[in-house]
Structure formats: C-alpha cells, structure tokens
Amino acid sequence: MSFNEKELQKQLKEIFNDEVIRHTKPMMHDFAKLMAYYRCAIMEIETKFNVLNEEFSLRFDRNPINSIKSRLKSTASMREKLERRGFAMSVDSIEENLNDVAGVRVICSFPDDVYMLADALLKQDDIELVEKKDYIANPKPNGYRSLHLIVTVPIFLEKEKRLMKVEIQLRTIAMDSWASLEHQLRYKKDNIFDEQMANELLRCAELSAELDKRMDSLRAKVQFETQE
C-alpha cells in the first residue's frame, strides 16, 4: 500500500496535468502525507481486529475471523466520487468529504461473529462511530449483504494525534464469495447483463443467506453441546 515517488507521480497524473503538478509540489507532499495517515489508520483497525480475534479464539476455541483485507481508494476513484458529488478535488476535500479512502474488510466465519466483532470494536473508547449501514438485516435489492461501518480511529504521530476515518465491511465467507462473483459477472467487460441474470443472482444471494443461517444454527448447537 506504500507510495514511492514514481508511483505518486503516476497517481497524481490521473487527476492533474503536468503544468499543475510542476507548480504544486507542496500539494504532492500533502497528498502523500495524507495517504500515509490513512495507511496508519488501516494498521490500527487491523491490529484491533487481530487482538479481538485472538481473545475470542481463547473463549470459543475457534477464530471468528477468517481473513482481513485492506485497501486505499485509487486516486481515479477519489476524483470520480468527488466530481459526482460536486466537491473540489483537493487534499483537504478528500479528507473532509470522503469516508471510504481507507477500507478494511473483515471476513467472518458466521453471521453472529459479524455482530459480535462489530459490537466489541465499537465499545472501545478510542473508536467513534460515524455511520452504520446493516445490509445483512436489510439486504440491497440485488441481494448484497454486509455490515458497513464508518469509524474514526486515532493515529499517534510524533507531535500530534489525528482522527482518521476508515470504512469497515464485515461479512461472512458466504457473503464475500457471493459479492466477489456478483461483481465479476455483473461488471464483466462487454458482457450483456439482463434482468433474468439479475434475478438468478438474487436467488443465489437468498441461497447464500440460507446457508449462513443453517451454518450458524449448527455452530450454536455444537457450542452448546461442547459446554455441557
């Protein structure tokens, strides 16, 4: 996720022309610094989830987290989103108006794990919830399911503490598999995606939800019998 100078030049050329770049070296420095802050915020969130995973593994004799993925939003995506919303393209505008520059996706084993981990994270006194969207309880019309959180997390620098926004997506293995395949099918280049295909994907999402429900029920039964 790190930016070297050559990569930074390439990223900025997606937004600004050469003339602008030559006269905006301070802006380039500020942009690189902001991206570094977002990377630090991602590391903070990843560490928090890894600690929770370790704690819950001792309690339940299993790991609730299957994997953690992270990403920084591309400069092209930042530009498109800011322009679409009518905001200026600047370093300050990125930090003020975009909540999803830093993203962390937590893939959980079972649906109950999603809420257990989310609740545990939000109870931490240095985490502040900005926005919550529960697409598990209320799936999107296409069948998409996931729990989305926008939070602020502090990062501690040499001379200051900064609050950085991070988008967190928590979902099960089944939800993640469906979302990944849905994206490949729906947005495949030169592919015609019709209503019948959309309905079939929605049916697959319903089957995925049923799988999660059954697996969670089995988990609860195994856990109960183990405790007896």
C-alpha atoms as a PDB file:
ATOM      1  CA  MET A   1       0.000   0.000   0.000  1.00  0.00           C
ATOM      2  CA  SER A   2       3.005   2.313   0.266  1.00  0.00           C
ATOM      3  CA  PHE A   3       3.545   5.166  -2.178  1.00  0.00           C
ATOM      4  CA  ASN A   4       7.002   5.745  -3.652  1.00  0.00           C
ATOM      5  CA  GLU A   5       7.765   8.920  -5.595  1.00  0.00           C
ATOM      6  CA  LYS A   6       7.343   7.317  -9.016  1.00  0.00           C
ATOM      7  CA  GLU A   7       4.024   5.759  -8.089  1.00  0.00           C
ATOM      8  CA  LEU A   8       2.829   9.037  -6.593  1.00  0.00           C
ATOM      9  CA  GLN A   9       3.623  10.871  -9.829  1.00  0.00           C
ATOM     10  CA  LYS A  10       1.639   8.290 -11.766  1.00  0.00           C
ATOM     11  CA  GLN A  11      -1.331   8.526  -9.402  1.00  0.00           C
ATOM     12  CA  LEU A  12      -1.400  12.328  -9.467  1.00  0.00           C
ATOM     13  CA  LYS A  13      -1.274  12.429 -13.277  1.00  0.00           C
ATOM     14  CA  GLU A  14      -4.642  10.703 -13.220  1.00  0.00           C
ATOM     15  CA  ILE A  15      -6.011  13.837 -11.577  1.00  0.00           C
ATOM     16  CA  PHE A  16      -3.789  16.779 -12.565  1.00  0.00           C
ATOM     17  CA  ASN A  17      -1.907  17.781 -15.727  1.00  0.00           C
ATOM     18  CA  ASP A  18       1.893  18.227 -15.859  1.00  0.00           C
ATOM     19  CA  GLU A  19       1.702  22.017 -15.570  1.00  0.00           C
ATOM     20  CA  VAL A  20      -0.324  21.818 -12.402  1.00  0.00           C
ATOM     21  CA  ILE A  21       1.972  19.167 -10.921  1.00  0.00           C
ATOM     22  CA  ARG A  22       5.085  21.301 -11.553  1.00  0.00           C
ATOM     23  CA  HIS A  23       3.586  24.151  -9.560  1.00  0.00           C
ATOM     24  CA  THR A  24       2.033  22.095  -6.797  1.00  0.00           C
ATOM     25  CA  LYS A  25       4.861  20.190  -5.147  1.00  0.00           C
ATOM     26  CA  PRO A  26       3.531  21.170  -1.706  1.00  0.00           C
ATOM     27  CA  MET A  27       0.210  19.601  -2.689  1.00  0.00           C
ATOM     28  CA  MET A  28       2.015  16.408  -3.743  1.00  0.00           C
ATOM     29  CA  HIS A  29       3.721  16.287  -0.371  1.00  0.00           C
ATOM     30  CA  ASP A  30       0.418  16.840   1.455  1.00  0.00           C
ATOM     31  CA  PHE A  31      -1.272  14.139  -0.631  1.00  0.00           C
ATOM     32  CA  ALA A  32       1.471  11.612   0.143  1.00  0.00           C
ATOM     33  CA  LYS A  33       1.288  12.512   3.826  1.00  0.00           C
ATOM     34  CA  LEU A  34      -2.496  12.070   3.914  1.00  0.00           C
ATOM     35  CA  MET A  35      -2.228   8.657   2.257  1.00  0.00           C
ATOM     36  CA  ALA A  36       0.370   7.678   4.860  1.00  0.00           C
ATOM     37  CA  TYR A  37      -2.057   8.704   7.603  1.00  0.00           C
ATOM     38  CA  TYR A  38      -4.765   6.540   6.060  1.00  0.00           C
ATOM     39  CA  ARG A  39      -2.363   3.589   5.916  1.00  0.00           C
ATOM     40  CA  CYS A  40      -1.631   4.111   9.610  1.00  0.00           C
ATOM     41  CA  ALA A  41      -5.367   4.134  10.343  1.00  0.00           C
ATOM     42  CA  ILE A  42      -5.769   0.861   8.454  1.00  0.00           C
ATOM     43  CA  MET A  43      -2.989  -0.692  10.529  1.00  0.00           C
ATOM     44  CA  GLU A  44      -4.696   0.464  13.729  1.00  0.00           C
ATOM     45  CA  ILE A  45      -8.008  -1.120  12.733  1.00  0.00           C
ATOM     46  CA  GLU A  46      -6.349  -4.343  11.559  1.00  0.00           C
ATOM     47  CA  THR A  47      -4.500  -4.610  14.875  1.00  0.00           C
ATOM     48  CA  LYS A  48      -7.703  -4.123  16.831  1.00  0.00           C
ATOM     49  CA  PHE A  49      -9.440  -6.907  14.925  1.00  0.00           C
ATOM     50  CA  ASN A  50      -6.437  -9.230  15.250  1.00  0.00           C
ATOM     51  CA  VAL A  51      -6.443  -8.686  19.021  1.00  0.00           C
ATOM     52  CA  LEU A  52     -10.194  -9.382  19.196  1.00  0.00           C
ATOM     53  CA  ASN A  53      -9.730 -12.492  17.079  1.00  0.00           C
ATOM     54  CA  GLU A  54      -7.082 -13.759  19.486  1.00  0.00           C
ATOM     55  CA  GLU A  55      -9.255 -13.045  22.526  1.00  0.00           C
ATOM     56  CA  PHE A  56     -12.353 -14.726  21.090  1.00  0.00           C
ATOM     57  CA  SER A  57     -10.325 -17.720  19.920  1.00  0.00           C
ATOM     58  CA  LEU A  58      -9.438 -18.389  23.569  1.00  0.00           C
ATOM     59  CA  ARG A  59     -13.055 -18.056  24.670  1.00  0.00           C
ATOM     60  CA  PHE A  60     -14.689 -20.115  21.919  1.00  0.00           C
ATOM     61  CA  ASP A  61     -11.794 -22.349  20.866  1.00  0.00           C
ATOM     62  CA  ARG A  62     -12.100 -21.091  17.283  1.00  0.00           C
ATOM     63  CA  ASN A  63     -11.254 -17.994  15.289  1.00  0.00           C
ATOM     64  CA  PRO A  64     -14.251 -15.803  14.386  1.00  0.00           C
ATOM     65  CA  ILE A  65     -12.185 -14.016  11.718  1.00  0.00           C
ATOM     66  CA  ASN A  66     -11.343 -15.945   8.581  1.00  0.00           C
ATOM     67  CA  SER A  67      -9.309 -13.173   6.935  1.00  0.00           C
ATOM     68  CA  ILE A  68      -8.775  -9.400   6.859  1.00  0.00           C
ATOM     69  CA  LYS A  69      -8.297  -7.430   3.666  1.00  0.00           C
ATOM     70  CA  SER A  70      -7.499  -3.743   3.288  1.00  0.00           C
ATOM     71  CA  ARG A  71      -7.124  -1.150   0.552  1.00  0.00           C
ATOM     72  CA  LEU A  72      -6.642   2.514  -0.183  1.00  0.00           C
ATOM     73  CA  LYS A  73      -9.068   4.019  -2.658  1.00  0.00           C
ATOM     74  CA  SER A  74      -7.422   4.800  -6.010  1.00  0.00           C
ATOM     75  CA  THR A  75      -6.924   8.425  -6.960  1.00  0.00           C
ATOM     76  CA  ALA A  76      -9.130   7.911 -10.028  1.00  0.00           C
ATOM     77  CA  SER A  77     -11.959   6.676  -7.782  1.00  0.00           C
ATOM     78  CA  MET A  78     -11.464   9.594  -5.394  1.00  0.00           C
ATOM     79  CA  ARG A  79     -11.674  12.057  -8.270  1.00  0.00           C
ATOM     80  CA  GLU A  80     -14.785  10.436  -9.753  1.00  0.00           C
ATOM     81  CA  LYS A  81     -16.611  10.401  -6.424  1.00  0.00           C
ATOM     82  CA  LEU A  82     -15.740  13.999  -5.554  1.00  0.00           C
ATOM     83  CA  GLU A  83     -16.748  15.246  -9.012  1.00  0.00           C
ATOM     84  CA  ARG A  84     -20.002  13.279  -8.905  1.00  0.00           C
ATOM     85  CA  ARG A  85     -20.868  14.891  -5.564  1.00  0.00           C
ATOM     86  CA  GLY A  86     -19.838  18.373  -6.656  1.00  0.00           C
ATOM     87  CA  PHE A  87     -16.826  18.724  -4.345  1.00  0.00           C
ATOM     88  CA  ALA A  88     -13.453  20.242  -5.208  1.00  0.00           C
ATOM     89  CA  MET A  89     -10.521  17.954  -5.978  1.00  0.00           C
ATOM     90  CA  SER A  90      -8.010  18.830  -3.271  1.00  0.00           C
ATOM     91  CA  VAL A  91      -6.210  17.171  -0.389  1.00  0.00           C
ATOM     92  CA  ASP A  92      -8.451  18.880   2.179  1.00  0.00           C
ATOM     93  CA  SER A  93     -11.558  17.914   0.212  1.00  0.00           C
ATOM     94  CA  ILE A  94     -10.503  14.257   0.130  1.00  0.00           C
ATOM     95  CA  GLU A  95     -10.183  14.109   3.906  1.00  0.00           C
ATOM     96  CA  GLU A  96     -13.330  16.132   4.600  1.00  0.00           C
ATOM     97  CA  ASN A  97     -15.752  14.649   2.075  1.00  0.00           C
ATOM     98  CA  LEU A  98     -14.740  11.025   1.531  1.00  0.00           C
ATOM     99  CA  ASN A  99     -15.367   8.395   4.195  1.00  0.00           C
ATOM    100  CA  ASP A 100     -14.019   5.392   2.315  1.00  0.00           C
ATOM    101  CA  VAL A 101     -10.448   6.308   1.315  1.00  0.00           C
ATOM    102  CA  ALA A 102      -9.201   3.734   3.814  1.00  0.00           C
ATOM    103  CA  GLY A 103     -11.058   0.436   3.729  1.00  0.00           C
ATOM    104  CA  VAL A 104     -10.858  -2.713   5.839  1.00  0.00           C
ATOM    105  CA  ARG A 105     -12.877  -5.834   5.052  1.00  0.00           C
ATOM    106  CA  VAL A 106     -13.266  -8.449   7.770  1.00  0.00           C
ATOM    107  CA  ILE A 107     -14.358 -11.894   6.600  1.00  0.00           C
ATOM    108  CA  CYS A 108     -16.028 -13.801   9.422  1.00  0.00           C
ATOM    109  CA  SER A 109     -16.922 -17.432   9.848  1.00  0.00           C
ATOM    110  CA  PHE A 110     -20.566 -16.991  10.917  1.00  0.00           C
ATOM    111  CA  PRO A 111     -23.206 -14.202  10.887  1.00  0.00           C
ATOM    112  CA  ASP A 112     -23.184 -13.943  14.694  1.00  0.00           C
ATOM    113  CA  ASP A 113     -19.442 -13.305  14.520  1.00  0.00           C
ATOM    114  CA  VAL A 114     -20.065 -10.229  12.369  1.00  0.00           C
ATOM    115  CA  TYR A 115     -22.154  -8.532  15.052  1.00  0.00           C
ATOM    116  CA  MET A 116     -20.009  -9.797  17.928  1.00  0.00           C
ATOM    117  CA  LEU A 117     -16.870  -8.274  16.403  1.00  0.00           C
ATOM    118  CA  ALA A 118     -18.604  -5.045  15.395  1.00  0.00           C
ATOM    119  CA  ASP A 119     -20.022  -4.571  18.900  1.00  0.00           C
ATOM    120  CA  ALA A 120     -16.650  -5.305  20.511  1.00  0.00           C
ATOM    121  CA  LEU A 121     -14.884  -2.789  18.270  1.00  0.00           C
ATOM    122  CA  LEU A 122     -17.450  -0.032  18.816  1.00  0.00           C
ATOM    123  CA  LYS A 123     -17.210  -0.430  22.596  1.00  0.00           C
ATOM    124  CA  GLN A 124     -13.552   0.591  22.524  1.00  0.00           C
ATOM    125  CA  ASP A 125     -13.209   4.111  23.891  1.00  0.00           C
ATOM    126  CA  ASP A 126     -10.973   5.390  21.079  1.00  0.00           C
ATOM    127  CA  ILE A 127     -13.361   4.323  18.305  1.00  0.00           C
ATOM    128  CA  GLU A 128     -16.170   6.656  17.274  1.00  0.00           C
ATOM    129  CA  LEU A 129     -18.990   5.505  15.014  1.00  0.00           C
ATOM    130  CA  VAL A 130     -19.734   7.933  12.175  1.00  0.00           C
ATOM    131  CA  GLU A 131     -22.193   5.836  10.171  1.00  0.00           C
ATOM    132  CA  LYS A 132     -23.631   2.331  10.184  1.00  0.00           C
ATOM    133  CA  LYS A 133     -25.448   0.509   7.386  1.00  0.00           C
ATOM    134  CA  ASP A 134     -26.686  -3.007   8.042  1.00  0.00           C
ATOM    135  CA  TYR A 135     -27.126  -4.725   4.689  1.00  0.00           C
ATOM    136  CA  ILE A 136     -27.418  -8.088   6.458  1.00  0.00           C
ATOM    137  CA  ALA A 137     -30.638  -7.222   8.258  1.00  0.00           C
ATOM    138  CA  ASN A 138     -31.706  -5.156   5.223  1.00  0.00           C
ATOM    139  CA  PRO A 139     -30.037  -6.532   2.065  1.00  0.00           C
ATOM    140  CA  LYS A 140     -29.705  -4.367  -1.024  1.00  0.00           C
ATOM    141  CA  PRO A 141     -32.247  -5.065  -3.807  1.00  0.00           C
ATOM    142  CA  ASN A 142     -29.646  -7.088  -5.732  1.00  0.00           C
ATOM    143  CA  GLY A 143     -29.107  -9.388  -2.738  1.00  0.00           C
ATOM    144  CA  TYR A 144     -25.877  -7.839  -1.408  1.00  0.00           C
ATOM    145  CA  ARG A 145     -25.319  -8.426   2.312  1.00  0.00           C
ATOM    146  CA  SER A 146     -22.675  -6.919   4.577  1.00  0.00           C
ATOM    147  CA  LEU A 147     -22.369  -4.752   7.669  1.00  0.00           C
ATOM    148  CA  HIS A 148     -20.789  -1.378   6.862  1.00  0.00           C
ATOM    149  CA  LEU A 149     -19.275   0.880   9.499  1.00  0.00           C
ATOM    150  CA  ILE A 150     -17.604   4.251   9.100  1.00  0.00           C
ATOM    151  CA  VAL A 151     -15.478   4.950  12.174  1.00  0.00           C
ATOM    152  CA  THR A 152     -12.804   7.359  13.280  1.00  0.00           C
ATOM    153  CA  VAL A 153      -9.660   5.949  14.849  1.00  0.00           C
ATOM    154  CA  PRO A 154      -6.771   7.959  16.339  1.00  0.00           C
ATOM    155  CA  ILE A 155      -3.264   7.651  14.967  1.00  0.00           C
ATOM    156  CA  PHE A 156      -0.415   8.914  17.123  1.00  0.00           C
ATOM    157  CA  LEU A 157       2.288  10.823  15.295  1.00  0.00           C
ATOM    158  CA  GLU A 158       5.473  12.382  16.641  1.00  0.00           C
ATOM    159  CA  LYS A 159       3.865  15.663  17.626  1.00  0.00           C
ATOM    160  CA  GLU A 160       0.132  15.159  17.240  1.00  0.00           C
ATOM    161  CA  LYS A 161      -2.827  12.824  17.372  1.00  0.00           C
ATOM    162  CA  ARG A 162      -5.075  12.691  14.308  1.00  0.00           C
ATOM    163  CA  LEU A 163      -8.525  11.161  13.945  1.00  0.00           C
ATOM    164  CA  MET A 164      -8.818   9.307  10.639  1.00  0.00           C
ATOM    165  CA  LYS A 165     -11.924   7.846   9.017  1.00  0.00           C
ATOM    166  CA  VAL A 166     -11.984   4.198   7.964  1.00  0.00           C
ATOM    167  CA  GLU A 167     -14.709   2.246   6.213  1.00  0.00           C
ATOM    168  CA  ILE A 168     -15.131  -1.248   7.646  1.00  0.00           C
ATOM    169  CA  GLN A 169     -17.072  -4.023   5.937  1.00  0.00           C
ATOM    170  CA  LEU A 170     -17.864  -7.132   7.963  1.00  0.00           C
ATOM    171  CA  ARG A 171     -19.331 -10.135   6.193  1.00  0.00           C
ATOM    172  CA  THR A 172     -19.310 -13.920   6.260  1.00  0.00           C
ATOM    173  CA  ILE A 173     -17.385 -16.180   3.888  1.00  0.00           C
ATOM    174  CA  ALA A 174     -20.610 -16.883   2.004  1.00  0.00           C
ATOM    175  CA  MET A 175     -21.453 -13.171   1.703  1.00  0.00           C
ATOM    176  CA  ASP A 176     -17.955 -12.379   0.476  1.00  0.00           C
ATOM    177  CA  SER A 177     -17.962 -15.177  -2.097  1.00  0.00           C
ATOM    178  CA  TRP A 178     -21.313 -14.019  -3.484  1.00  0.00           C
ATOM    179  CA  ALA A 179     -20.212 -10.365  -3.641  1.00  0.00           C
ATOM    180  CA  SER A 180     -16.983 -11.252  -5.420  1.00  0.00           C
ATOM    181  CA  LEU A 181     -18.687 -13.445  -8.010  1.00  0.00           C
ATOM    182  CA  GLU A 182     -21.559 -10.988  -8.469  1.00  0.00           C
ATOM    183  CA  HIS A 183     -19.081  -8.232  -9.283  1.00  0.00           C
ATOM    184  CA  GLN A 184     -17.269 -10.428 -11.816  1.00  0.00           C
ATOM    185  CA  LEU A 185     -20.497 -11.386 -13.556  1.00  0.00           C
ATOM    186  CA  ARG A 186     -22.286  -8.048 -13.482  1.00  0.00           C
ATOM    187  CA  TYR A 187     -19.347  -5.873 -14.488  1.00  0.00           C
ATOM    188  CA  LYS A 188     -17.516  -8.187 -16.874  1.00  0.00           C
ATOM    189  CA  LYS A 189     -16.332  -6.163 -19.875  1.00  0.00           C
ATOM    190  CA  ASP A 190     -18.564  -6.366 -22.965  1.00  0.00           C
ATOM    191  CA  ASN A 191     -20.966  -8.654 -21.108  1.00  0.00           C
ATOM    192  CA  ILE A 192     -24.714  -8.251 -21.522  1.00  0.00           C
ATOM    193  CA  PHE A 193     -26.324  -8.468 -18.083  1.00  0.00           C
ATOM    194  CA  ASP A 194     -30.093  -8.788 -18.317  1.00  0.00           C
ATOM    195  CA  GLU A 195     -32.957  -8.955 -15.832  1.00  0.00           C
ATOM    196  CA  GLN A 196     -33.060 -12.755 -15.869  1.00  0.00           C
ATOM    197  CA  MET A 197     -29.409 -12.877 -14.824  1.00  0.00           C
ATOM    198  CA  ALA A 198     -30.061 -10.331 -12.081  1.00  0.00           C
ATOM    199  CA  ASN A 199     -32.937 -12.456 -10.758  1.00  0.00           C
ATOM    200  CA  GLU A 200     -30.730 -15.554 -10.776  1.00  0.00           C
ATOM    201  CA  LEU A 201     -28.048 -13.696  -8.803  1.00  0.00           C
ATOM    202  CA  LEU A 202     -30.694 -12.614  -6.312  1.00  0.00           C
ATOM    203  CA  ARG A 203     -31.746 -16.236  -5.924  1.00  0.00           C
ATOM    204  CA  CYS A 204     -28.105 -17.171  -5.307  1.00  0.00           C
ATOM    205  CA  ALA A 205     -27.941 -14.486  -2.625  1.00  0.00           C
ATOM    206  CA  GLU A 206     -31.011 -15.973  -0.946  1.00  0.00           C
ATOM    207  CA  LEU A 207     -29.406 -19.425  -1.016  1.00  0.00           C
ATOM    208  CA  SER A 208     -26.246 -17.913   0.438  1.00  0.00           C
ATOM    209  CA  ALA A 209     -28.275 -16.372   3.255  1.00  0.00           C
ATOM    210  CA  GLU A 210     -29.936 -19.713   3.927  1.00  0.00           C
ATOM    211  CA  LEU A 211     -26.505 -21.374   4.072  1.00  0.00           C
ATOM    212  CA  ASP A 212     -25.327 -18.811   6.627  1.00  0.00           C
ATOM    213  CA  LYS A 213     -28.448 -19.359   8.710  1.00  0.00           C
ATOM    214  CA  ARG A 214     -28.025 -23.135   8.739  1.00  0.00           C
ATOM    215  CA  MET A 215     -24.304 -22.977   9.487  1.00  0.00           C
ATOM    216  CA  ASP A 216     -24.878 -20.522  12.334  1.00  0.00           C
ATOM    217  CA  SER A 217     -27.502 -22.838  13.776  1.00  0.00           C
ATOM    218  CA  LEU A 218     -25.049 -25.748  13.629  1.00  0.00           C
ATOM    219  CA  ARG A 219     -22.362 -23.631  15.275  1.00  0.00           C
ATOM    220  CA  ALA A 220     -24.685 -22.714  18.128  1.00  0.00           C
ATOM    221  CA  LYS A 221     -25.647 -26.374  18.619  1.00  0.00           C
ATOM    222  CA  VAL A 222     -22.032 -27.567  18.632  1.00  0.00           C
ATOM    223  CA  GLN A 223     -21.035 -24.805  21.037  1.00  0.00           C
ATOM    224  CA  PHE A 224     -23.917 -25.599  23.394  1.00  0.00           C
ATOM    225  CA  GLU A 225     -23.195 -29.349  23.442  1.00  0.00           C
ATOM    226  CA  THR A 226     -19.484 -28.715  23.992  1.00  0.00           C
ATOM    227  CA  GLN A 227     -20.218 -26.613  27.043  1.00  0.00           C
ATOM    228  CA  GLU A 228     -22.384 -29.269  28.651  1.00  0.00           C
END
